[in-house]
């Protein structure tokens, strides 16, 4: 993201969108270009006007294959991104799960 803001989200169990992270200028959105089957794991939507840099994954993978140092450096950088994004997803899912448990528990208390 060069300018603006994007929301990284996924479908929640009840059909709602669960925002995992909001990214701003200087942050990286995805890594699907790096690992097969090269499918997006999250949805991305602009929450403000966005200017973004888009890279050709096919070409970049070829450059990584030709230059293992480049490939290793990018793998290190993107694996940190993956770990951070997965941790954020886990936290949002725990919040969603705990909110559902509280609502169920509150309903039981009300019926007593």
N, C-alpha and C. Protein backbone atom coordinates (compact mmCIF):
# COMPACT_ATOMS: atom_id res chain seq x y z
N UNK A 1 0.86 -1.17 0.00
CA UNK A 1 0.00 0.00 0.00
C UNK A 1 0.91 1.23 0.00
N UNK A 2 0.78 2.06 -1.03
CA UNK A 2 1.58 3.29 -1.10
C UNK A 2 0.86 4.44 -0.40
N UNK A 3 -0.44 4.54 -0.62
CA UNK A 3 -1.27 5.55 0.03
C UNK A 3 -2.63 4.95 0.32
N UNK A 4 -3.29 5.46 1.35
CA UNK A 4 -4.64 5.03 1.66
C UNK A 4 -4.67 3.96 2.74
N UNK A 5 -5.79 3.23 2.77
CA UNK A 5 -5.99 2.23 3.82
C UNK A 5 -6.85 1.10 3.24
N UNK A 6 -6.51 -0.13 3.61
CA UNK A 6 -7.29 -1.30 3.19
C UNK A 6 -7.62 -2.15 4.40
N UNK A 7 -8.76 -2.83 4.32
CA UNK A 7 -9.17 -3.77 5.37
C UNK A 7 -8.96 -5.18 4.85
N UNK A 8 -8.28 -5.99 5.65
CA UNK A 8 -8.09 -7.41 5.35
C UNK A 8 -9.19 -8.13 6.12
N UNK A 9 -10.00 -8.93 5.43
CA UNK A 9 -11.13 -9.57 6.10
C UNK A 9 -11.35 -10.99 5.60
N UNK A 10 -12.24 -11.69 6.31
CA UNK A 10 -12.67 -13.02 5.90
C UNK A 10 -14.10 -13.22 6.34
N UNK A 11 -14.73 -14.23 5.81
CA UNK A 11 -16.12 -14.51 6.15
C UNK A 11 -16.21 -15.11 7.55
N UNK A 12 -17.09 -14.56 8.35
CA UNK A 12 -17.34 -15.08 9.69
C UNK A 12 -18.42 -16.16 9.60
N UNK A 13 -18.54 -16.99 10.64
CA UNK A 13 -19.49 -18.10 10.59
C UNK A 13 -20.94 -17.69 10.30
N UNK A 14 -21.35 -16.53 10.75
CA UNK A 14 -22.74 -16.11 10.54
C UNK A 14 -22.93 -15.30 9.27
N UNK A 15 -21.90 -15.30 8.40
CA UNK A 15 -22.00 -14.60 7.14
C UNK A 15 -21.50 -13.17 7.18
N UNK A 16 -21.16 -12.65 8.35
CA UNK A 16 -20.62 -11.31 8.45
C UNK A 16 -19.18 -11.30 7.97
N UNK A 17 -18.65 -10.12 7.72
CA UNK A 17 -17.23 -9.95 7.39
C UNK A 17 -16.48 -9.69 8.69
N UNK A 18 -15.40 -10.38 8.89
CA UNK A 18 -14.57 -10.22 10.08
C UNK A 18 -13.28 -9.53 9.64
N UNK A 19 -13.10 -8.27 10.06
CA UNK A 19 -11.89 -7.53 9.70
C UNK A 19 -10.75 -8.03 10.58
N UNK A 20 -9.72 -8.54 9.95
CA UNK A 20 -8.57 -9.10 10.65
C UNK A 20 -7.55 -8.00 10.94
N UNK A 21 -7.29 -7.17 9.95
CA UNK A 21 -6.32 -6.09 10.08
C UNK A 21 -6.71 -4.95 9.16
N UNK A 22 -6.29 -3.76 9.52
CA UNK A 22 -6.40 -2.61 8.64
C UNK A 22 -4.98 -2.16 8.34
N UNK A 23 -4.65 -2.06 7.06
CA UNK A 23 -3.29 -1.72 6.64
C UNK A 23 -3.26 -0.33 6.04
N UNK A 24 -2.15 0.35 6.26
CA UNK A 24 -1.96 1.70 5.73
C UNK A 24 -0.70 1.76 4.89
N UNK A 25 -0.36 2.97 4.46
CA UNK A 25 0.81 3.17 3.60
C UNK A 25 2.05 2.51 4.21
N UNK A 26 2.79 1.81 3.35
CA UNK A 26 4.02 1.16 3.78
C UNK A 26 3.84 -0.29 4.19
N UNK A 27 2.60 -0.75 4.26
CA UNK A 27 2.35 -2.14 4.68
C UNK A 27 2.03 -3.02 3.47
N UNK A 28 2.30 -4.31 3.63
CA UNK A 28 2.14 -5.29 2.55
C UNK A 28 0.84 -6.05 2.74
N UNK A 29 0.10 -6.21 1.66
CA UNK A 29 -1.20 -6.87 1.73
C UNK A 29 -1.08 -8.39 1.68
N UNK A 30 -0.41 -8.95 0.69
CA UNK A 30 -0.53 -10.39 0.52
C UNK A 30 0.73 -11.15 0.17
N UNK A 31 0.56 -12.45 0.19
CA UNK A 31 1.67 -13.36 -0.11
C UNK A 31 1.24 -14.50 -1.02
N UNK A 32 0.06 -14.44 -1.58
CA UNK A 32 -0.43 -15.56 -2.39
C UNK A 32 0.47 -15.81 -3.60
N UNK A 33 1.22 -14.81 -4.03
CA UNK A 33 2.14 -14.98 -5.16
C UNK A 33 3.26 -15.96 -4.83
N UNK A 34 3.54 -16.12 -3.52
CA UNK A 34 4.72 -16.85 -3.09
C UNK A 34 4.52 -18.37 -3.00
N UNK A 35 3.37 -18.79 -2.51
CA UNK A 35 3.15 -20.21 -2.23
C UNK A 35 2.01 -20.79 -3.06
N UNK A 36 2.22 -21.97 -3.65
CA UNK A 36 1.13 -22.62 -4.37
C UNK A 36 -0.01 -22.94 -3.39
N UNK A 37 -1.21 -22.91 -3.79
CA UNK A 37 -1.71 -22.80 -5.17
C UNK A 37 -1.93 -21.36 -5.63
N UNK A 38 -1.32 -20.38 -4.97
CA UNK A 38 -1.40 -18.96 -5.35
C UNK A 38 -2.83 -18.44 -5.33
N UNK A 39 -3.54 -18.78 -4.26
CA UNK A 39 -4.93 -18.36 -4.07
C UNK A 39 -4.99 -17.43 -2.84
N UNK A 40 -5.73 -16.35 -2.96
CA UNK A 40 -5.87 -15.42 -1.85
C UNK A 40 -6.54 -16.11 -0.66
N UNK A 41 -6.02 -15.85 0.52
CA UNK A 41 -6.57 -16.43 1.75
C UNK A 41 -7.57 -15.49 2.42
N UNK A 42 -7.49 -14.21 2.10
CA UNK A 42 -8.32 -13.17 2.71
C UNK A 42 -8.92 -12.31 1.61
N UNK A 43 -9.91 -11.51 1.98
CA UNK A 43 -10.46 -10.51 1.07
C UNK A 43 -9.86 -9.17 1.46
N UNK A 44 -9.73 -8.29 0.50
CA UNK A 44 -9.17 -6.96 0.74
C UNK A 44 -10.13 -5.93 0.16
N UNK A 45 -10.43 -4.90 0.94
CA UNK A 45 -11.26 -3.81 0.43
C UNK A 45 -10.68 -2.48 0.88
N UNK A 46 -10.76 -1.50 -0.01
CA UNK A 46 -10.25 -0.17 0.29
C UNK A 46 -11.21 0.52 1.24
N UNK A 47 -10.67 1.13 2.29
CA UNK A 47 -11.49 1.92 3.21
C UNK A 47 -11.23 3.41 3.02
N UNK A 48 -10.31 3.73 2.14
CA UNK A 48 -9.99 5.10 1.70
C UNK A 48 -9.39 4.96 0.31
N UNK A 49 -9.27 6.05 -0.40
CA UNK A 49 -8.66 5.99 -1.72
C UNK A 49 -7.27 5.39 -1.59
N UNK A 50 -6.98 4.40 -2.43
CA UNK A 50 -5.74 3.64 -2.30
C UNK A 50 -4.89 3.76 -3.56
N UNK A 51 -3.61 3.93 -3.34
CA UNK A 51 -2.62 3.78 -4.39
C UNK A 51 -1.74 2.63 -3.93
N UNK A 52 -1.61 1.61 -4.78
CA UNK A 52 -0.88 0.41 -4.38
C UNK A 52 0.09 -0.02 -5.47
N UNK A 53 1.11 -0.70 -5.05
CA UNK A 53 2.08 -1.29 -5.95
C UNK A 53 1.68 -2.74 -6.16
N UNK A 54 1.53 -3.14 -7.40
CA UNK A 54 1.17 -4.52 -7.74
C UNK A 54 2.37 -5.15 -8.43
N UNK A 55 2.71 -6.36 -8.00
CA UNK A 55 3.86 -7.04 -8.59
C UNK A 55 3.41 -8.30 -9.31
N UNK A 56 4.16 -8.68 -10.33
CA UNK A 56 3.90 -9.87 -11.12
C UNK A 56 4.49 -11.08 -10.39
N UNK A 57 3.64 -11.87 -9.76
CA UNK A 57 4.09 -13.02 -8.97
C UNK A 57 4.86 -14.04 -9.79
N UNK A 58 4.40 -14.31 -11.00
CA UNK A 58 5.08 -15.27 -11.88
C UNK A 58 6.52 -14.84 -12.12
N UNK A 59 6.70 -13.56 -12.46
CA UNK A 59 8.03 -13.02 -12.73
C UNK A 59 8.88 -13.02 -11.45
N UNK A 60 8.29 -12.62 -10.35
CA UNK A 60 9.03 -12.55 -9.09
C UNK A 60 9.48 -13.94 -8.62
N UNK A 61 8.63 -14.95 -8.79
CA UNK A 61 9.04 -16.32 -8.45
C UNK A 61 10.22 -16.77 -9.31
N UNK A 62 10.19 -16.39 -10.58
CA UNK A 62 11.30 -16.71 -11.48
C UNK A 62 12.60 -16.04 -11.02
N UNK A 63 12.50 -14.80 -10.56
CA UNK A 63 13.68 -14.09 -10.06
C UNK A 63 14.21 -14.78 -8.79
N UNK A 64 13.32 -15.24 -7.94
CA UNK A 64 13.72 -15.94 -6.71
C UNK A 64 14.40 -17.27 -7.04
N UNK A 65 13.88 -17.98 -8.04
CA UNK A 65 14.50 -19.23 -8.45
C UNK A 65 15.90 -18.99 -9.02
N UNK A 66 16.06 -17.90 -9.77
CA UNK A 66 17.35 -17.59 -10.38
C UNK A 66 18.36 -17.04 -9.37
N UNK A 67 17.86 -16.43 -8.29
CA UNK A 67 18.74 -15.83 -7.28
C UNK A 67 18.30 -16.32 -5.90
N UNK A 68 18.84 -17.44 -5.43
CA UNK A 68 18.42 -18.01 -4.14
C UNK A 68 18.55 -17.04 -2.96
N UNK A 69 19.52 -16.14 -3.01
CA UNK A 69 19.64 -15.15 -1.91
C UNK A 69 18.41 -14.26 -1.87
N UNK A 70 17.97 -13.80 -3.03
CA UNK A 70 16.76 -13.00 -3.12
C UNK A 70 15.57 -13.80 -2.61
N UNK A 71 15.46 -15.05 -3.07
CA UNK A 71 14.36 -15.92 -2.64
C UNK A 71 14.34 -16.11 -1.14
N UNK A 72 15.50 -16.34 -0.56
CA UNK A 72 15.60 -16.53 0.90
C UNK A 72 15.21 -15.27 1.64
N UNK A 73 15.69 -14.12 1.18
CA UNK A 73 15.36 -12.85 1.82
C UNK A 73 13.86 -12.58 1.77
N UNK A 74 13.26 -12.78 0.60
CA UNK A 74 11.82 -12.57 0.48
C UNK A 74 11.03 -13.57 1.32
N UNK A 75 11.48 -14.82 1.37
CA UNK A 75 10.80 -15.82 2.19
C UNK A 75 10.85 -15.42 3.66
N UNK A 76 11.98 -14.93 4.13
CA UNK A 76 12.07 -14.48 5.53
C UNK A 76 11.10 -13.33 5.79
N UNK A 77 11.09 -12.35 4.91
CA UNK A 77 10.22 -11.19 5.09
C UNK A 77 8.75 -11.58 5.05
N UNK A 78 8.38 -12.39 4.07
CA UNK A 78 6.98 -12.74 3.93
C UNK A 78 6.53 -13.76 4.97
N UNK A 79 7.42 -14.59 5.46
CA UNK A 79 7.01 -15.51 6.53
C UNK A 79 6.68 -14.74 7.80
N UNK A 80 7.38 -13.63 8.06
CA UNK A 80 7.02 -12.78 9.21
C UNK A 80 5.64 -12.17 8.99
N UNK A 81 5.38 -11.72 7.76
CA UNK A 81 4.07 -11.17 7.43
C UNK A 81 2.99 -12.23 7.65
N UNK A 82 3.23 -13.45 7.18
CA UNK A 82 2.26 -14.53 7.34
C UNK A 82 2.00 -14.81 8.82
N UNK A 83 3.05 -14.87 9.61
CA UNK A 83 2.90 -15.15 11.04
C UNK A 83 2.09 -14.04 11.72
N UNK A 84 2.36 -12.81 11.37
CA UNK A 84 1.63 -11.67 11.95
C UNK A 84 0.16 -11.72 11.55
N UNK A 85 -0.11 -11.97 10.28
CA UNK A 85 -1.49 -11.99 9.79
C UNK A 85 -2.26 -13.15 10.41
N UNK A 86 -1.62 -14.32 10.53
CA UNK A 86 -2.29 -15.47 11.14
C UNK A 86 -2.56 -15.23 12.62
N UNK A 87 -1.64 -14.57 13.31
CA UNK A 87 -1.86 -14.23 14.73
C UNK A 87 -3.03 -13.26 14.86
N UNK A 88 -3.10 -12.27 13.98
CA UNK A 88 -4.22 -11.32 14.01
C UNK A 88 -5.54 -12.03 13.73
N UNK A 89 -5.51 -12.97 12.79
CA UNK A 89 -6.73 -13.75 12.49
C UNK A 89 -7.15 -14.56 13.70
N UNK A 90 -6.21 -15.18 14.33
CA UNK A 90 -6.50 -15.99 15.53
C UNK A 90 -7.14 -15.14 16.61
N UNK A 91 -6.60 -13.94 16.85
CA UNK A 91 -7.15 -13.05 17.87
C UNK A 91 -8.58 -12.63 17.53
N UNK A 92 -8.83 -12.31 16.26
CA UNK A 92 -10.18 -11.92 15.86
C UNK A 92 -11.15 -13.09 16.00
N UNK A 93 -10.71 -14.29 15.65
CA UNK A 93 -11.57 -15.46 15.77
C UNK A 93 -11.87 -15.77 17.24
N UNK A 94 -10.87 -15.59 18.11
CA UNK A 94 -11.10 -15.80 19.55
C UNK A 94 -12.10 -14.78 20.07
N UNK A 95 -11.99 -13.52 19.64
CA UNK A 95 -12.95 -12.50 20.04
C UNK A 95 -14.35 -12.87 19.57
N UNK A 96 -14.47 -13.33 18.34
CA UNK A 96 -15.76 -13.72 17.79
C UNK A 96 -16.33 -14.90 18.56
N UNK A 97 -15.51 -15.90 18.83
CA UNK A 97 -15.94 -17.07 19.57
C UNK A 97 -16.38 -16.71 20.98
N UNK A 98 -15.58 -15.91 21.66
CA UNK A 98 -15.91 -15.51 23.04
C UNK A 98 -17.15 -14.64 23.09
N UNK A 99 -17.36 -13.78 22.11
CA UNK A 99 -18.58 -12.96 22.07
C UNK A 99 -19.80 -13.86 21.91
N UNK A 100 -19.68 -14.89 21.08
CA UNK A 100 -20.79 -15.84 20.91
C UNK A 100 -21.07 -16.61 22.18
N UNK A 101 -20.03 -17.01 22.90
CA UNK A 101 -20.21 -17.74 24.16
C UNK A 101 -20.85 -16.85 25.20
N UNK A 102 -20.44 -15.57 25.27
CA UNK A 102 -21.04 -14.64 26.24
C UNK A 102 -22.51 -14.46 25.93
N UNK A 103 -22.85 -14.32 24.64
CA UNK A 103 -24.26 -14.12 24.27
C UNK A 103 -25.09 -15.34 24.64
N UNK A 104 -24.57 -16.55 24.42
CA UNK A 104 -25.27 -17.77 24.78
C UNK A 104 -25.41 -17.85 26.30
N UNK A 105 -24.32 -17.57 27.00
CA UNK A 105 -24.35 -17.62 28.46
C UNK A 105 -25.31 -16.60 29.04
N UNK A 106 -25.38 -15.42 28.46
CA UNK A 106 -26.30 -14.38 28.95
C UNK A 106 -27.73 -14.83 28.73
N UNK A 107 -28.01 -15.52 27.63
CA UNK A 107 -29.35 -15.99 27.36
C UNK A 107 -29.79 -17.03 28.39
N UNK A 108 -28.86 -17.89 28.80
CA UNK A 108 -29.19 -18.91 29.80
C UNK A 108 -29.49 -18.26 31.14
N UNK A 109 -28.71 -17.24 31.48
CA UNK A 109 -28.94 -16.56 32.75
C UNK A 109 -30.30 -15.89 32.75
N UNK A 110 -30.68 -15.29 31.63
CA UNK A 110 -31.94 -14.58 31.54
C UNK A 110 -33.13 -15.52 31.64
N UNK A 111 -32.95 -16.78 31.22
CA UNK A 111 -34.08 -17.71 31.22
C UNK A 111 -34.28 -18.37 32.58
N UNK A 112 -33.37 -18.18 33.52
CA UNK A 112 -33.50 -18.80 34.84
C UNK A 112 -34.48 -18.11 35.72
